[in-house]
Amino acid sequence: MSYDFNADDVLEIAEQLERNGGKFYRTAAESTTDPANKKFLLELAAMEDQHEETFKAIRAELSAREKASTVFDPNGEAALYLRALADTRVFYEKEIDVSSMKAILKSAITAEKDSIVFYLGMKEAVAESLGKGRLDHIIKEEMGHIKLLSSKLVQYKE
């Protein structure tokens, strides 16, 4: 059985990914003693918090059609599947190499790339009428994270 997800499903997962990202960056910040690095990581955590709020606001603006379930799923198992996938593939419960800022940045870039791959896959599973176009905003935000992290990583080239 195939399942066409709607924008509401994916935005709910986006919110979870942002919460996971905030936790990732806060954990990394706790591991560093360098004040500048700690500040940068906490700023990234704050960005994740802000993005979560953005996605909540977008969800609140969705039309009834963009929130409509596409299959009979009384127990919400499809959303649970997405949440589990998001929690195990992006940020959450990943081993964080905190041995150096360079390692932290590499881990963060990998997690951000994983999130983009997740959203691109989800975009293919959301019909145009169910809010497919709204996912471009999420993907663009994640690409911005990679740009920021990559520019910081360049400072740590050996």
Protein backbone atom coordinates (compact mmCIF):
# COMPACT_ATOMS: atom_id res chain seq x y z
CA MET A 1 0.00 0.00 0.00
CA SER A 2 1.36 3.42 -0.85
CA TYR A 3 0.73 6.44 1.29
CA ASP A 4 0.63 10.01 0.11
CA PHE A 5 1.74 12.12 3.02
CA ASN A 6 0.40 15.61 3.41
CA ALA A 7 2.22 18.81 4.32
CA ASP A 8 0.91 18.60 7.89
CA ASP A 9 2.55 15.19 8.38
CA VAL A 10 5.89 16.39 7.08
CA LEU A 11 5.81 19.70 8.96
CA GLU A 12 5.12 17.82 12.19
CA ILE A 13 8.25 15.79 11.54
CA ALA A 14 10.16 18.96 10.63
CA GLU A 15 9.30 20.33 14.06
CA GLN A 16 10.66 17.16 15.66
CA LEU A 17 13.86 17.35 13.61
CA GLU A 18 14.37 20.93 14.73
CA ARG A 19 13.89 19.91 18.38
CA ASN A 20 16.41 17.11 17.85
CA GLY A 21 18.80 19.57 16.21
CA GLY A 22 18.53 21.98 19.12
CA LYS A 23 19.35 19.17 21.52
CA PHE A 24 22.31 18.12 19.35
CA TYR A 25 23.80 21.62 19.36
CA ARG A 26 23.20 22.14 23.08
CA THR A 27 24.91 18.84 23.87
CA ALA A 28 27.84 19.81 21.65
CA ALA A 29 28.03 23.24 23.33
CA GLU A 30 28.27 21.59 26.74
CA SER A 31 31.32 19.66 25.57
CA THR A 32 33.42 22.63 24.55
CA THR A 33 35.35 24.93 26.82
CA ASP A 34 36.06 27.55 24.16
CA PRO A 35 33.63 30.44 24.76
CA ALA A 36 33.43 31.38 21.06
CA ASN A 37 32.62 27.81 20.02
CA LYS A 38 30.08 27.45 22.82
CA LYS A 39 28.42 30.71 21.72
CA PHE A 40 28.30 29.57 18.07
CA LEU A 41 26.78 26.19 18.97
CA LEU A 42 24.18 27.80 21.22
CA GLU A 43 23.31 30.20 18.40
CA LEU A 44 22.76 27.18 16.15
CA ALA A 45 20.52 25.66 18.81
CA ALA A 46 18.55 28.91 18.93
CA MET A 47 18.20 28.80 15.13
CA GLU A 48 16.77 25.31 15.40
CA ASP A 49 14.29 26.59 18.00
CA GLN A 50 13.33 29.45 15.71
CA HIS A 51 12.85 27.09 12.77
CA GLU A 52 10.62 24.87 14.88
CA GLU A 53 8.44 27.91 15.58
CA THR A 54 8.44 28.78 11.87
CA PHE A 55 7.26 25.30 10.98
CA LYS A 56 4.57 25.47 13.67
CA ALA A 57 3.34 28.73 12.15
CA ILE A 58 3.31 27.24 8.65
CA ARG A 59 1.36 24.24 9.98
CA ALA A 60 -1.17 26.58 11.56
CA GLU A 61 -1.72 28.21 8.16
CA LEU A 62 -2.31 24.96 6.28
CA SER A 63 -5.63 24.49 4.56
CA ALA A 64 -7.93 21.64 5.53
CA ARG A 65 -6.93 19.94 2.26
CA GLU A 66 -3.23 20.12 3.17
CA LYS A 67 -4.03 18.46 6.51
CA ALA A 68 -6.37 15.82 5.12
CA SER A 69 -5.47 12.21 5.65
CA THR A 70 -5.08 10.32 2.41
CA VAL A 71 -5.75 6.84 3.76
CA PHE A 72 -7.68 5.27 6.60
CA ASP A 73 -5.21 5.46 9.49
CA PRO A 74 -7.20 5.67 12.73
CA ASN A 75 -4.17 4.99 14.92
CA GLY A 76 -1.91 7.53 13.22
CA GLU A 77 0.61 4.84 12.37
CA ALA A 78 1.94 6.63 9.30
CA ALA A 79 2.88 9.69 11.35
CA LEU A 80 4.43 7.43 14.01
CA TYR A 81 6.51 5.77 11.30
CA LEU A 82 7.72 9.15 10.04
CA ARG A 83 8.56 10.28 13.57
CA ALA A 84 10.53 7.09 14.25
CA LEU A 85 12.37 7.47 10.97
CA ALA A 86 13.22 11.09 11.72
CA ASP A 87 14.38 10.26 15.23
CA THR A 88 16.72 7.51 14.12
CA ARG A 89 18.13 9.10 10.97
CA VAL A 90 18.69 12.78 11.71
CA PHE A 91 20.39 14.23 14.82
CA TYR A 92 18.60 12.12 17.44
CA GLU A 93 20.55 9.44 19.29
CA LYS A 94 23.59 9.88 17.10
CA GLU A 95 27.02 9.45 18.53
CA ILE A 96 28.45 12.94 18.68
CA ASP A 97 32.20 13.15 18.30
CA VAL A 98 32.97 16.03 20.62
CA SER A 99 36.72 15.58 20.55
CA SER A 100 37.09 18.81 18.59
CA MET A 101 35.06 21.61 17.06
CA LYS A 102 36.00 20.27 13.63
CA ALA A 103 34.46 16.89 14.51
CA ILE A 104 31.32 18.55 15.89
CA LEU A 105 30.91 20.58 12.70
CA LYS A 106 31.40 17.52 10.50
CA SER A 107 28.76 15.63 12.50
CA ALA A 108 26.39 18.58 12.22
CA ILE A 109 26.89 18.86 8.45
CA THR A 110 26.19 15.15 8.07
CA ALA A 111 23.00 15.46 10.12
CA GLU A 112 21.86 18.48 8.09
CA LYS A 113 22.52 16.58 4.85
CA ASP A 114 20.54 13.64 6.21
CA SER A 115 17.64 15.97 6.94
CA ILE A 116 17.70 17.32 3.37
CA VAL A 117 17.68 13.79 1.96
CA PHE A 118 14.76 12.96 4.26
CA TYR A 119 12.78 16.01 3.11
CA LEU A 120 13.54 15.41 -0.56
CA GLY A 121 12.23 11.88 -0.16
CA MET A 122 9.16 13.14 1.65
CA LYS A 123 8.59 15.74 -1.05
CA GLU A 124 8.15 12.90 -3.52
CA ALA A 125 5.53 11.37 -1.22
CA VAL A 126 3.43 14.53 -0.89
CA ALA A 127 0.98 15.37 -3.65
CA GLU A 128 0.83 18.93 -5.00
CA SER A 129 -2.72 19.26 -3.68
CA LEU A 130 -1.54 18.24 -0.21
CA GLY A 131 1.11 20.95 0.13
CA LYS A 132 4.15 19.58 -1.70
CA GLY A 133 5.39 23.09 -2.52
CA ARG A 134 5.59 24.03 1.14
CA LEU A 135 8.44 21.57 1.65
CA ASP A 136 10.76 23.74 -0.44
CA HIS A 137 10.89 26.21 2.47
CA ILE A 138 12.12 23.49 4.83
CA ILE A 139 14.75 22.27 2.37
CA LYS A 140 16.01 25.81 1.83
CA GLU A 141 16.37 26.33 5.60
CA GLU A 142 18.41 23.14 5.95
CA MET A 143 20.62 24.13 3.02
CA GLY A 144 21.29 27.41 4.81
CA HIS A 145 22.47 25.47 7.85
CA ILE A 146 24.96 23.53 5.72
CA LYS A 147 26.32 26.75 4.23
CA LEU A 148 26.80 28.26 7.69
CA LEU A 149 28.41 25.12 9.12
CA SER A 150 30.67 24.67 6.11
CA SER A 151 31.93 28.25 6.31
CA LYS A 152 32.77 27.66 9.98
CA LEU A 153 34.44 24.31 9.20
CA VAL A 154 36.82 26.02 6.76
CA GLN A 155 38.36 27.78 9.76
CA TYR A 156 39.43 24.40 11.12
CA LYS A 157 41.24 23.09 8.04
CA GLU A 158 44.54 21.54 8.99
